[in-house]
N, C-alpha and C. Protein backbone atom coordinates (compact mmCIF):
# COMPACT_ATOMS: atom_id res chain seq x y z
N MET A 1 0.82 -1.17 0.03
CA MET A 1 0.00 0.04 -0.04
C MET A 1 0.85 1.28 0.00
N ALA A 2 2.01 1.20 0.65
CA ALA A 2 2.90 2.37 0.71
C ALA A 2 3.37 2.79 -0.70
N GLN A 3 3.58 1.71 -1.52
CA GLN A 3 4.04 1.97 -2.91
C GLN A 3 2.91 2.70 -3.69
N THR A 4 1.69 2.30 -3.46
CA THR A 4 0.59 2.98 -4.13
C THR A 4 0.46 4.40 -3.76
N ALA A 5 0.68 4.70 -2.41
CA ALA A 5 0.66 6.10 -2.04
C ALA A 5 1.79 6.88 -2.63
N GLU A 6 3.00 6.25 -2.71
CA GLU A 6 4.12 6.88 -3.24
C GLU A 6 3.89 7.21 -4.75
N GLN A 7 3.30 6.22 -5.47
CA GLN A 7 3.00 6.53 -6.87
C GLN A 7 2.00 7.63 -7.08
N GLU A 8 0.98 7.70 -6.15
CA GLU A 8 0.06 8.70 -6.25
C GLU A 8 0.64 10.05 -5.98
N THR A 9 1.45 10.17 -5.02
CA THR A 9 2.19 11.42 -4.68
C THR A 9 3.09 11.83 -5.87
N ALA A 10 3.73 10.85 -6.51
CA ALA A 10 4.55 11.20 -7.66
C ALA A 10 3.74 11.70 -8.83
N ARG A 11 2.57 10.99 -9.07
CA ARG A 11 1.67 11.44 -10.14
C ARG A 11 1.14 12.85 -9.92
N GLN A 12 0.81 13.15 -8.60
CA GLN A 12 0.31 14.51 -8.29
C GLN A 12 1.40 15.57 -8.49
N LEU A 13 2.65 15.20 -8.10
CA LEU A 13 3.72 16.17 -8.28
C LEU A 13 3.99 16.41 -9.78
N ILE A 14 4.00 15.38 -10.55
CA ILE A 14 4.22 15.51 -11.97
C ILE A 14 3.08 16.34 -12.64
N SER A 15 1.78 16.01 -12.22
CA SER A 15 0.68 16.73 -12.78
C SER A 15 0.76 18.19 -12.52
N GLU A 16 1.02 18.54 -11.16
CA GLU A 16 1.09 19.92 -10.73
C GLU A 16 2.29 20.65 -11.40
N ALA A 17 3.43 19.93 -11.52
CA ALA A 17 4.57 20.47 -12.19
C ALA A 17 4.32 20.81 -13.63
N SER A 18 3.62 19.90 -14.25
CA SER A 18 3.29 20.09 -15.71
C SER A 18 2.44 21.33 -15.91
N GLN A 19 1.43 21.46 -15.01
CA GLN A 19 0.56 22.61 -15.06
C GLN A 19 1.35 23.93 -14.81
N LYS A 20 2.28 23.94 -13.87
CA LYS A 20 3.05 25.13 -13.63
C LYS A 20 3.92 25.44 -14.77
N LEU A 21 4.50 24.39 -15.37
CA LEU A 21 5.41 24.64 -16.51
C LEU A 21 4.61 25.24 -17.71
N SER A 22 3.36 24.67 -17.88
CA SER A 22 2.54 25.15 -18.98
C SER A 22 2.17 26.60 -18.76
N GLU A 23 1.84 26.98 -17.46
CA GLU A 23 1.50 28.37 -17.13
C GLU A 23 2.68 29.28 -17.35
N ALA A 24 3.86 28.80 -16.98
CA ALA A 24 5.08 29.60 -17.19
C ALA A 24 5.34 29.85 -18.64
N VAL A 25 5.10 28.90 -19.45
CA VAL A 25 5.35 28.96 -20.89
C VAL A 25 4.33 29.93 -21.54
N GLN A 26 3.02 29.73 -21.13
CA GLN A 26 1.94 30.60 -21.71
C GLN A 26 2.12 32.00 -21.43
N ARG A 27 2.59 32.36 -20.26
CA ARG A 27 2.77 33.77 -19.88
C ARG A 27 3.85 34.45 -20.69
N LYS A 28 4.80 33.67 -21.06
CA LYS A 28 5.98 34.18 -21.86
C LYS A 28 6.67 35.34 -21.14
N ALA A 29 6.21 35.67 -19.96
CA ALA A 29 6.92 36.65 -19.22
C ALA A 29 8.12 35.97 -18.61
N ASN A 30 9.04 36.71 -18.08
CA ASN A 30 10.19 36.14 -17.48
C ASN A 30 9.80 35.36 -16.22
N ASN A 31 9.13 34.29 -16.37
CA ASN A 31 8.73 33.51 -15.25
C ASN A 31 9.67 32.33 -15.03
N LEU A 32 10.94 32.68 -14.97
CA LEU A 32 11.98 31.68 -14.87
C LEU A 32 11.84 30.89 -13.52
N GLN A 33 11.40 31.61 -12.50
CA GLN A 33 11.32 30.98 -11.15
C GLN A 33 10.26 29.95 -11.19
N GLY A 34 9.11 30.21 -11.81
CA GLY A 34 8.08 29.23 -11.95
C GLY A 34 8.49 28.00 -12.73
N ALA A 35 9.18 28.19 -13.75
CA ALA A 35 9.73 27.11 -14.60
C ALA A 35 10.72 26.23 -13.81
N LYS A 36 11.51 26.90 -12.96
CA LYS A 36 12.50 26.18 -12.16
C LYS A 36 11.82 25.34 -11.08
N VAL A 37 10.76 25.91 -10.47
CA VAL A 37 10.03 25.16 -9.48
C VAL A 37 9.33 23.97 -10.19
N ALA A 38 8.75 24.15 -11.34
CA ALA A 38 8.08 23.10 -12.06
C ALA A 38 9.04 22.00 -12.42
N GLN A 39 10.22 22.44 -12.89
CA GLN A 39 11.30 21.48 -13.23
C GLN A 39 11.78 20.64 -12.08
N ALA A 40 11.87 21.24 -10.95
CA ALA A 40 12.27 20.62 -9.73
C ALA A 40 11.14 19.54 -9.25
N MET A 41 9.92 20.00 -9.34
CA MET A 41 8.79 19.07 -8.98
C MET A 41 8.68 17.89 -9.96
N LEU A 42 8.90 18.13 -11.28
CA LEU A 42 8.90 17.08 -12.21
C LEU A 42 10.04 16.08 -11.87
N SER A 43 11.22 16.59 -11.57
CA SER A 43 12.35 15.77 -11.23
C SER A 43 12.03 14.89 -10.01
N VAL A 44 11.56 15.51 -8.98
CA VAL A 44 11.22 14.71 -7.76
C VAL A 44 10.14 13.71 -8.03
N GLY A 45 9.14 14.05 -8.78
CA GLY A 45 8.04 13.15 -9.10
C GLY A 45 8.52 12.02 -9.91
N ASN A 46 9.40 12.21 -10.87
CA ASN A 46 9.92 11.16 -11.69
C ASN A 46 10.83 10.23 -10.87
N GLU A 47 11.65 10.82 -9.95
CA GLU A 47 12.48 9.96 -9.05
C GLU A 47 11.65 9.06 -8.16
N LYS A 48 10.58 9.67 -7.58
CA LYS A 48 9.70 8.87 -6.69
C LYS A 48 9.06 7.69 -7.57
N LEU A 49 8.54 8.07 -8.69
CA LEU A 49 7.88 7.05 -9.55
C LEU A 49 8.90 5.94 -9.99
N THR A 50 10.02 6.32 -10.35
CA THR A 50 11.08 5.36 -10.67
C THR A 50 11.42 4.43 -9.52
N ALA A 51 11.68 5.04 -8.34
CA ALA A 51 11.98 4.25 -7.16
C ALA A 51 10.84 3.29 -6.84
N CYS A 52 9.64 3.79 -6.87
CA CYS A 52 8.46 2.97 -6.63
C CYS A 52 8.33 1.84 -7.55
N THR A 53 8.54 2.10 -8.80
CA THR A 53 8.39 1.07 -9.92
C THR A 53 9.46 -0.03 -9.68
N LYS A 54 10.66 0.37 -9.28
CA LYS A 54 11.79 -0.58 -8.97
C LYS A 54 11.42 -1.40 -7.74
N GLN A 55 10.90 -0.75 -6.75
CA GLN A 55 10.47 -1.51 -5.50
C GLN A 55 9.42 -2.49 -5.80
N LEU A 56 8.40 -2.09 -6.62
CA LEU A 56 7.35 -3.02 -6.98
C LEU A 56 7.90 -4.22 -7.80
N GLY A 57 8.85 -3.98 -8.68
CA GLY A 57 9.53 -5.07 -9.40
C GLY A 57 10.26 -6.02 -8.50
N ASP A 58 10.99 -5.46 -7.51
CA ASP A 58 11.72 -6.30 -6.53
C ASP A 58 10.77 -7.15 -5.72
N ILE A 59 9.61 -6.57 -5.34
CA ILE A 59 8.59 -7.28 -4.53
C ILE A 59 8.00 -8.41 -5.33
N LYS A 60 7.71 -8.10 -6.61
CA LYS A 60 7.18 -9.16 -7.52
C LYS A 60 8.15 -10.34 -7.66
N HIS A 61 9.42 -10.01 -7.87
CA HIS A 61 10.48 -11.02 -7.96
C HIS A 61 10.60 -11.87 -6.75
N GLU A 62 10.53 -11.26 -5.59
CA GLU A 62 10.58 -11.99 -4.27
C GLU A 62 9.37 -12.88 -4.17
N LYS A 63 8.19 -12.30 -4.56
CA LYS A 63 6.94 -13.08 -4.47
C LYS A 63 7.05 -14.34 -5.32
N GLU A 64 7.54 -14.15 -6.53
CA GLU A 64 7.73 -15.32 -7.42
C GLU A 64 8.61 -16.41 -6.82
N LYS A 65 9.73 -15.94 -6.20
CA LYS A 65 10.64 -16.88 -5.55
C LYS A 65 10.05 -17.60 -4.47
N ILE A 66 9.21 -16.93 -3.65
CA ILE A 66 8.57 -17.54 -2.55
C ILE A 66 7.46 -18.52 -2.99
N GLU A 67 6.72 -18.11 -4.03
CA GLU A 67 5.70 -19.00 -4.52
C GLU A 67 6.33 -20.28 -5.14
N GLN A 68 7.48 -20.18 -5.76
CA GLN A 68 8.17 -21.38 -6.35
C GLN A 68 8.64 -22.22 -5.24
N LYS A 69 9.22 -21.63 -4.17
CA LYS A 69 9.61 -22.44 -3.01
C LYS A 69 8.51 -23.20 -2.36
N LEU A 70 7.35 -22.48 -2.19
CA LEU A 70 6.21 -23.08 -1.59
C LEU A 70 5.63 -24.25 -2.45
N LYS A 71 5.69 -24.04 -3.79
CA LYS A 71 5.22 -25.09 -4.66
C LYS A 71 6.15 -26.35 -4.53
N SER A 72 7.45 -26.14 -4.45
CA SER A 72 8.42 -27.19 -4.26
C SER A 72 8.20 -27.91 -2.95
N LEU A 73 7.99 -27.17 -1.90
CA LEU A 73 7.78 -27.74 -0.52
C LEU A 73 6.45 -28.54 -0.53
N SER A 74 5.45 -28.00 -1.22
CA SER A 74 4.10 -28.78 -1.27
C SER A 74 4.29 -30.11 -1.96
N ARG A 75 5.11 -30.04 -3.11
CA ARG A 75 5.35 -31.34 -3.80
C ARG A 75 6.04 -32.31 -2.89
N GLU A 76 7.09 -31.81 -2.19
CA GLU A 76 7.87 -32.70 -1.30
C GLU A 76 7.02 -33.25 -0.20
N LEU A 77 6.12 -32.45 0.36
CA LEU A 77 5.18 -32.93 1.39
C LEU A 77 4.25 -34.06 0.82
N LEU A 78 3.73 -33.84 -0.36
CA LEU A 78 2.86 -34.86 -1.02
C LEU A 78 3.63 -36.18 -1.20
N ILE A 79 4.86 -36.09 -1.67
CA ILE A 79 5.71 -37.27 -1.82
C ILE A 79 5.95 -37.98 -0.55
N ARG A 80 6.24 -37.17 0.51
CA ARG A 80 6.52 -37.82 1.81
C ARG A 80 5.26 -38.50 2.33
N ARG A 81 4.12 -37.86 2.15
CA ARG A 81 2.84 -38.53 2.63
C ARG A 81 2.52 -39.79 1.80
N ALA A 82 2.80 -39.76 0.53
CA ALA A 82 2.63 -40.95 -0.28
C ALA A 82 3.54 -42.10 0.12
N LEU A 83 4.81 -41.74 0.40
CA LEU A 83 5.73 -42.73 0.87
C LEU A 83 5.28 -43.25 2.24
N LEU A 84 4.86 -42.46 3.11
CA LEU A 84 4.43 -42.93 4.42
C LEU A 84 3.22 -43.87 4.26
N THR A 85 2.26 -43.56 3.34
CA THR A 85 1.15 -44.42 3.10
C THR A 85 1.61 -45.83 2.59
N VAL A 86 2.64 -45.78 1.68
CA VAL A 86 3.13 -47.11 1.17
C VAL A 86 3.83 -47.84 2.27
N LEU A 87 4.57 -47.17 3.16
CA LEU A 87 5.30 -47.85 4.19
C LEU A 87 4.29 -48.40 5.20
N ASN A 88 3.26 -47.70 5.54
CA ASN A 88 2.24 -48.22 6.39
C ASN A 88 1.57 -49.42 5.81
N LEU A 89 1.28 -49.40 4.52
CA LEU A 89 0.65 -50.59 3.83
C LEU A 89 1.61 -51.74 3.89
N LEU A 90 2.91 -51.52 3.63
CA LEU A 90 3.90 -52.60 3.65
C LEU A 90 3.99 -53.13 5.15
N HIS A 91 4.00 -52.25 6.05
CA HIS A 91 4.03 -52.66 7.43
C HIS A 91 2.90 -53.53 7.86
N GLN A 92 1.70 -53.18 7.35
CA GLN A 92 0.49 -53.96 7.69
C GLN A 92 0.51 -55.32 6.93
N ILE A 93 1.10 -55.38 5.82
CA ILE A 93 1.21 -56.68 5.04
C ILE A 93 2.26 -57.58 5.66
N LEU A 94 3.42 -56.99 5.94
CA LEU A 94 4.55 -57.79 6.41
C LEU A 94 4.58 -58.23 7.81
N LEU A 95 3.95 -57.41 8.68
CA LEU A 95 3.95 -57.73 10.10
C LEU A 95 2.75 -58.49 10.46
N PRO A 96 2.83 -59.27 11.55
CA PRO A 96 1.68 -59.99 12.00
C PRO A 96 0.56 -59.00 12.37
N LYS A 97 -0.69 -59.40 12.23
CA LYS A 97 -1.82 -58.57 12.52
C LYS A 97 -2.04 -58.25 13.98
N LYS A 98 -1.30 -58.90 14.81
CA LYS A 98 -1.42 -58.60 16.28
C LYS A 98 -0.93 -57.21 16.62
N THR A 99 0.06 -56.69 15.89
CA THR A 99 0.62 -55.33 16.14
C THR A 99 -0.02 -54.44 15.10
N LYS A 100 -0.76 -53.41 15.58
CA LYS A 100 -1.42 -52.51 14.66
C LYS A 100 -0.79 -51.11 14.79
N THR A 101 0.52 -51.01 14.85
CA THR A 101 1.12 -49.74 14.96
C THR A 101 1.34 -49.25 13.47
N SER A 102 1.35 -47.94 13.37
CA SER A 102 1.63 -47.41 12.00
C SER A 102 2.68 -46.28 12.21
N LEU A 103 3.39 -46.01 11.12
CA LEU A 103 4.45 -45.00 11.16
C LEU A 103 3.74 -43.64 11.00
N LYS A 104 4.31 -42.63 11.68
CA LYS A 104 3.74 -41.29 11.51
C LYS A 104 4.87 -40.37 11.07
N LEU A 105 4.48 -39.38 10.22
CA LEU A 105 5.39 -38.39 9.69
C LEU A 105 5.67 -37.36 10.73
N LYS A 106 6.95 -37.05 10.90
CA LYS A 106 7.31 -36.07 11.83
C LYS A 106 7.21 -34.74 11.17
N HIS A 107 6.74 -33.78 11.85
CA HIS A 107 6.54 -32.42 11.28
C HIS A 107 7.80 -31.57 11.53
C-alpha cells in the first residue's frame, strides 16, 4: 500500500509541475522562477515514480521466488505423505496382524 501512496504522490507532483510549466510558458513573461519550481517538481516526481516502480519489481520478484519455493515444498510434502502411506501398507502386510502400529510423519 505504501508503494501505491508513493505512486499517487509522484503522479500528483508530476501533474502539478506540468501545469506550472505550462503556465510559465503561456505567460511568456520572465517566469523563470516558476519554470525552475516546475522542473524541480517534475524531477522529484519522476524519481519517486522510478523508485516505486523498482521497488514493486523487486517485490514481484521476491513473491515469485517464494511461490516457487512453496510449490516445491508442497510437492515434497505430497511425496512424503505418499511414501508414508506405502510404508504403512507394507508394514500392515509384512508384520503380524497382532501389532497394529503405524508409522507417523514427523513435522
